[in-house]
Amino acid sequence: MRLAQWLVRTVVATILSTIGWWLGAKVGIITAYMLSTVAAGYGLWLGGRIARDYLGLG
């Protein structure tokens, strides 16, 4: 994986993970952790798609 693609994936995963934590924290710490983890995984996939399809990095 190239550096630019890795960077896009990492940034998107971090942003979605933060949003997941923020939403889950309204319920509890375990919910925040679980939503953050799921959102980070989705962010890795989504970041890869963005890098490949829209930025031509794939």
PDB file of N, CA and C in Angstrom:
ATOM      1  N   MET A   1       0.851  -1.170   0.000  1.00  0.00           N
ATOM      2  CA  MET A   1       0.000   0.000   0.000  1.00  0.00           C
ATOM      3  C   MET A   1       0.899   1.237   0.000  1.00  0.00           C
ATOM      4  N   ARG A   2       0.569   2.154  -0.865  1.00  0.00           N
ATOM      5  CA  ARG A   2       1.362   3.368  -0.954  1.00  0.00           C
ATOM      6  C   ARG A   2       1.068   4.311   0.210  1.00  0.00           C
ATOM      7  N   LEU A   3       1.985   5.212   0.453  1.00  0.00           N
ATOM      8  CA  LEU A   3       1.875   6.130   1.585  1.00  0.00           C
ATOM      9  C   LEU A   3       0.630   7.011   1.484  1.00  0.00           C
ATOM     10  N   ALA A   4       0.329   7.522   0.299  1.00  0.00           N
ATOM     11  CA  ALA A   4      -0.828   8.403   0.145  1.00  0.00           C
ATOM     12  C   ALA A   4      -2.128   7.658   0.436  1.00  0.00           C
ATOM     13  N   GLN A   5      -2.228   6.424  -0.039  1.00  0.00           N
ATOM     14  CA  GLN A   5      -3.433   5.628   0.218  1.00  0.00           C
ATOM     15  C   GLN A   5      -3.540   5.315   1.712  1.00  0.00           C
ATOM     16  N   TRP A   6      -2.433   4.982   2.331  1.00  0.00           N
ATOM     17  CA  TRP A   6      -2.429   4.712   3.771  1.00  0.00           C
ATOM     18  C   TRP A   6      -2.881   5.944   4.548  1.00  0.00           C
ATOM     19  N   LEU A   7      -2.420   7.119   4.129  1.00  0.00           N
ATOM     20  CA  LEU A   7      -2.777   8.355   4.811  1.00  0.00           C
ATOM     21  C   LEU A   7      -4.273   8.641   4.696  1.00  0.00           C
ATOM     22  N   VAL A   8      -4.839   8.463   3.518  1.00  0.00           N
ATOM     23  CA  VAL A   8      -6.278   8.686   3.332  1.00  0.00           C
ATOM     24  C   VAL A   8      -7.066   7.721   4.204  1.00  0.00           C
ATOM     25  N   ARG A   9      -6.696   6.453   4.193  1.00  0.00           N
ATOM     26  CA  ARG A   9      -7.404   5.459   5.001  1.00  0.00           C
ATOM     27  C   ARG A   9      -7.321   5.791   6.488  1.00  0.00           C
ATOM     28  N   THR A  10      -6.150   6.204   6.941  1.00  0.00           N
ATOM     29  CA  THR A  10      -5.960   6.515   8.354  1.00  0.00           C
ATOM     30  C   THR A  10      -6.764   7.735   8.787  1.00  0.00           C
ATOM     31  N   VAL A  11      -6.773   8.763   7.961  1.00  0.00           N
ATOM     32  CA  VAL A  11      -7.523   9.979   8.296  1.00  0.00           C
ATOM     33  C   VAL A  11      -9.018   9.699   8.347  1.00  0.00           C
ATOM     34  N   VAL A  12      -9.540   8.988   7.362  1.00  0.00           N
ATOM     35  CA  VAL A  12     -10.975   8.674   7.344  1.00  0.00           C
ATOM     36  C   VAL A  12     -11.336   7.788   8.532  1.00  0.00           C
ATOM     37  N   ALA A  13     -10.516   6.790   8.828  1.00  0.00           N
ATOM     38  CA  ALA A  13     -10.790   5.914   9.967  1.00  0.00           C
ATOM     39  C   ALA A  13     -10.766   6.689  11.282  1.00  0.00           C
ATOM     40  N   THR A  14      -9.841   7.612  11.419  1.00  0.00           N
ATOM     41  CA  THR A  14      -9.758   8.406  12.647  1.00  0.00           C
ATOM     42  C   THR A  14     -10.988   9.294  12.819  1.00  0.00           C
ATOM     43  N   ILE A  15     -11.415   9.915  11.742  1.00  0.00           N
ATOM     44  CA  ILE A  15     -12.587  10.793  11.813  1.00  0.00           C
ATOM     45  C   ILE A  15     -13.835   9.989  12.170  1.00  0.00           C
ATOM     46  N   LEU A  16     -14.045   8.858  11.497  1.00  0.00           N
ATOM     47  CA  LEU A  16     -15.225   8.052  11.788  1.00  0.00           C
ATOM     48  C   LEU A  16     -15.163   7.428  13.176  1.00  0.00           C
ATOM     49  N   SER A  17     -13.978   7.050  13.608  1.00  0.00           N
ATOM     50  CA  SER A  17     -13.822   6.497  14.950  1.00  0.00           C
ATOM     51  C   SER A  17     -14.168   7.531  16.014  1.00  0.00           C
ATOM     52  N   THR A  18     -13.746   8.755  15.787  1.00  0.00           N
ATOM     53  CA  THR A  18     -14.057   9.831  16.726  1.00  0.00           C
ATOM     54  C   THR A  18     -15.559  10.089  16.795  1.00  0.00           C
ATOM     55  N   ILE A  19     -16.207  10.087  15.639  1.00  0.00           N
ATOM     56  CA  ILE A  19     -17.661  10.266  15.609  1.00  0.00           C
ATOM     57  C   ILE A  19     -18.356   9.116  16.328  1.00  0.00           C
ATOM     58  N   GLY A  20     -17.875   7.899  16.098  1.00  0.00           N
ATOM     59  CA  GLY A  20     -18.444   6.739  16.780  1.00  0.00           C
ATOM     60  C   GLY A  20     -18.288   6.831  18.284  1.00  0.00           C
ATOM     61  N   TRP A  21     -17.130   7.278  18.725  1.00  0.00           N
ATOM     62  CA  TRP A  21     -16.906   7.437  20.163  1.00  0.00           C
ATOM     63  C   TRP A  21     -17.833   8.497  20.728  1.00  0.00           C
ATOM     64  N   TRP A  22     -17.952   9.612  20.039  1.00  0.00           N
ATOM     65  CA  TRP A  22     -18.792  10.705  20.512  1.00  0.00           C
ATOM     66  C   TRP A  22     -20.248  10.256  20.644  1.00  0.00           C
ATOM     67  N   LEU A  23     -20.746   9.528  19.644  1.00  0.00           N
ATOM     68  CA  LEU A  23     -22.126   9.044  19.709  1.00  0.00           C
ATOM     69  C   LEU A  23     -22.305   7.997  20.807  1.00  0.00           C
ATOM     70  N   GLY A  24     -21.363   7.070  20.916  1.00  0.00           N
ATOM     71  CA  GLY A  24     -21.468   6.012  21.912  1.00  0.00           C
ATOM     72  C   GLY A  24     -21.301   6.493  23.336  1.00  0.00           C
ATOM     73  N   ALA A  25     -20.557   7.566  23.527  1.00  0.00           N
ATOM     74  CA  ALA A  25     -20.315   8.081  24.871  1.00  0.00           C
ATOM     75  C   ALA A  25     -21.589   8.617  25.508  1.00  0.00           C
ATOM     76  N   LYS A  26     -22.572   8.913  24.694  1.00  0.00           N
ATOM     77  CA  LYS A  26     -23.850   9.379  25.236  1.00  0.00           C
ATOM     78  C   LYS A  26     -24.573   8.248  25.968  1.00  0.00           C
ATOM     79  N   VAL A  27     -24.221   7.000  25.640  1.00  0.00           N
ATOM     80  CA  VAL A  27     -24.838   5.832  26.278  1.00  0.00           C
ATOM     81  C   VAL A  27     -23.952   5.302  27.404  1.00  0.00           C
ATOM     82  N   GLY A  28     -22.669   5.093  27.095  1.00  0.00           N
ATOM     83  CA  GLY A  28     -21.744   4.558  28.097  1.00  0.00           C
ATOM     84  C   GLY A  28     -20.382   4.299  27.483  1.00  0.00           C
ATOM     85  N   ILE A  29     -19.421   3.952  28.334  1.00  0.00           N
ATOM     86  CA  ILE A  29     -18.044   3.787  27.884  1.00  0.00           C
ATOM     87  C   ILE A  29     -17.878   2.556  26.986  1.00  0.00           C
ATOM     88  N   ILE A  30     -18.558   1.473  27.304  1.00  0.00           N
ATOM     89  CA  ILE A  30     -18.447   0.264  26.487  1.00  0.00           C
ATOM     90  C   ILE A  30     -19.086   0.482  25.123  1.00  0.00           C
ATOM     91  N   THR A  31     -20.213   1.154  25.103  1.00  0.00           N
ATOM     92  CA  THR A  31     -20.861   1.470  23.830  1.00  0.00           C
ATOM     93  C   THR A  31     -19.977   2.384  22.996  1.00  0.00           C
ATOM     94  N   ALA A  32     -19.337   3.341  23.633  1.00  0.00           N
ATOM     95  CA  ALA A  32     -18.424   4.240  22.925  1.00  0.00           C
ATOM     96  C   ALA A  32     -17.279   3.452  22.304  1.00  0.00           C
ATOM     97  N   TYR A  33     -16.717   2.523  23.058  1.00  0.00           N
ATOM     98  CA  TYR A  33     -15.619   1.703  22.551  1.00  0.00           C
ATOM     99  C   TYR A  33     -16.062   0.856  21.360  1.00  0.00           C
ATOM    100  N   MET A  34     -17.217   0.217  21.489  1.00  0.00           N
ATOM    101  CA  MET A  34     -17.700  -0.656  20.414  1.00  0.00           C
ATOM    102  C   MET A  34     -18.021   0.141  19.145  1.00  0.00           C
ATOM    103  N   LEU A  35     -18.720   1.253  19.286  1.00  0.00           N
ATOM    104  CA  LEU A  35     -19.037   2.069  18.114  1.00  0.00           C
ATOM    105  C   LEU A  35     -17.772   2.638  17.479  1.00  0.00           C
ATOM    106  N   SER A  36     -16.818   3.028  18.302  1.00  0.00           N
ATOM    107  CA  SER A  36     -15.564   3.554  17.787  1.00  0.00           C
ATOM    108  C   SER A  36     -14.812   2.494  16.981  1.00  0.00           C
ATOM    109  N   THR A  37     -14.796   1.269  17.479  1.00  0.00           N
ATOM    110  CA  THR A  37     -14.103   0.186  16.794  1.00  0.00           C
ATOM    111  C   THR A  37     -14.765  -0.151  15.464  1.00  0.00           C
ATOM    112  N   VAL A  38     -16.085  -0.259  15.473  1.00  0.00           N
ATOM    113  CA  VAL A  38     -16.817  -0.556  14.234  1.00  0.00           C
ATOM    114  C   VAL A  38     -16.645   0.576  13.228  1.00  0.00           C
ATOM    115  N   ALA A  39     -16.743   1.803  13.694  1.00  0.00           N
ATOM    116  CA  ALA A  39     -16.599   2.953  12.805  1.00  0.00           C
ATOM    117  C   ALA A  39     -15.187   3.032  12.224  1.00  0.00           C
ATOM    118  N   ALA A  40     -14.185   2.680  13.006  1.00  0.00           N
ATOM    119  CA  ALA A  40     -12.809   2.687  12.500  1.00  0.00           C
ATOM    120  C   ALA A  40     -12.634   1.641  11.404  1.00  0.00           C
ATOM    121  N   GLY A  41     -13.197   0.473  11.595  1.00  0.00           N
ATOM    122  CA  GLY A  41     -13.126  -0.557  10.560  1.00  0.00           C
ATOM    123  C   GLY A  41     -13.812  -0.124   9.284  1.00  0.00           C
ATOM    124  N   TYR A  42     -14.981   0.459   9.422  1.00  0.00           N
ATOM    125  CA  TYR A  42     -15.691   0.984   8.258  1.00  0.00           C
ATOM    126  C   TYR A  42     -14.888   2.115   7.616  1.00  0.00           C
ATOM    127  N   GLY A  43     -14.251   2.923   8.435  1.00  0.00           N
ATOM    128  CA  GLY A  43     -13.437   4.019   7.915  1.00  0.00           C
ATOM    129  C   GLY A  43     -12.245   3.537   7.109  1.00  0.00           C
ATOM    130  N   LEU A  44     -11.647   2.430   7.523  1.00  0.00           N
ATOM    131  CA  LEU A  44     -10.546   1.864   6.741  1.00  0.00           C
ATOM    132  C   LEU A  44     -11.018   1.426   5.366  1.00  0.00           C
ATOM    133  N   TRP A  45     -12.179   0.773   5.331  1.00  0.00           N
ATOM    134  CA  TRP A  45     -12.737   0.341   4.049  1.00  0.00           C
ATOM    135  C   TRP A  45     -13.115   1.550   3.193  1.00  0.00           C
ATOM    136  N   LEU A  46     -13.825   2.497   3.799  1.00  0.00           N
ATOM    137  CA  LEU A  46     -14.283   3.676   3.064  1.00  0.00           C
ATOM    138  C   LEU A  46     -13.101   4.511   2.575  1.00  0.00           C
ATOM    139  N   GLY A  47     -12.100   4.659   3.403  1.00  0.00           N
ATOM    140  CA  GLY A  47     -10.912   5.403   2.991  1.00  0.00           C
ATOM    141  C   GLY A  47     -10.206   4.754   1.812  1.00  0.00           C
ATOM    142  N   GLY A  48     -10.169   3.437   1.798  1.00  0.00           N
ATOM    143  CA  GLY A  48      -9.591   2.729   0.658  1.00  0.00           C
ATOM    144  C   GLY A  48     -10.385   2.950  -0.612  1.00  0.00           C
ATOM    145  N   ARG A  49     -11.713   2.941  -0.484  1.00  0.00           N
ATOM    146  CA  ARG A  49     -12.573   3.196  -1.645  1.00  0.00           C
ATOM    147  C   ARG A  49     -12.393   4.622  -2.162  1.00  0.00           C
ATOM    148  N   ILE A  50     -12.332   5.579  -1.250  1.00  0.00           N
ATOM    149  CA  ILE A  50     -12.138   6.973  -1.654  1.00  0.00           C
ATOM    150  C   ILE A  50     -10.796   7.136  -2.365  1.00  0.00           C
ATOM    151  N   ALA A  51      -9.752   6.544  -1.787  1.00  0.00           N
ATOM    152  CA  ALA A  51      -8.417   6.652  -2.383  1.00  0.00           C
ATOM    153  C   ALA A  51      -8.387   6.017  -3.767  1.00  0.00           C
ATOM    154  N   ARG A  52      -9.028   4.887  -3.922  1.00  0.00           N
ATOM    155  CA  ARG A  52      -8.992   4.172  -5.196  1.00  0.00           C
ATOM    156  C   ARG A  52      -9.902   4.804  -6.240  1.00  0.00           C
ATOM    157  N   ASP A  53     -11.150   5.080  -5.867  1.00  0.00           N
ATOM    158  CA  ASP A  53     -12.154   5.495  -6.843  1.00  0.00           C
ATOM    159  C   ASP A  53     -12.119   6.978  -7.171  1.00  0.00           C
ATOM    160  N   TYR A  54     -11.836   7.815  -6.180  1.00  0.00           N
ATOM    161  CA  TYR A  54     -11.911   9.252  -6.400  1.00  0.00           C
ATOM    162  C   TYR A  54     -10.565   9.931  -6.537  1.00  0.00           C
ATOM    163  N   LEU A  55      -9.550   9.367  -5.925  1.00  0.00           N
ATOM    164  CA  LEU A  55      -8.243   9.984  -5.974  1.00  0.00           C
ATOM    165  C   LEU A  55      -7.266   9.244  -6.892  1.00  0.00           C
ATOM    166  N   GLY A  56      -7.668   8.089  -7.393  1.00  0.00           N
ATOM    167  CA  GLY A  56      -6.832   7.331  -8.316  1.00  0.00           C
ATOM    168  C   GLY A  56      -5.549   6.812  -7.694  1.00  0.00           C
ATOM    169  N   LEU A  57      -5.601   6.457  -6.403  1.00  0.00           N
ATOM    170  CA  LEU A  57      -4.389   5.992  -5.728  1.00  0.00           C
ATOM    171  C   LEU A  57      -4.289   4.480  -5.654  1.00  0.00           C
ATOM    172  N   GLY A  58      -5.260   3.769  -6.154  1.00  0.00           N
ATOM    173  CA  GLY A  58      -5.286   2.324  -5.988  1.00  0.00           C
ATOM    174  C   GLY A  58      -4.580   1.597  -7.057  1.00  0.00           C
TER     175      GLY A  58
END
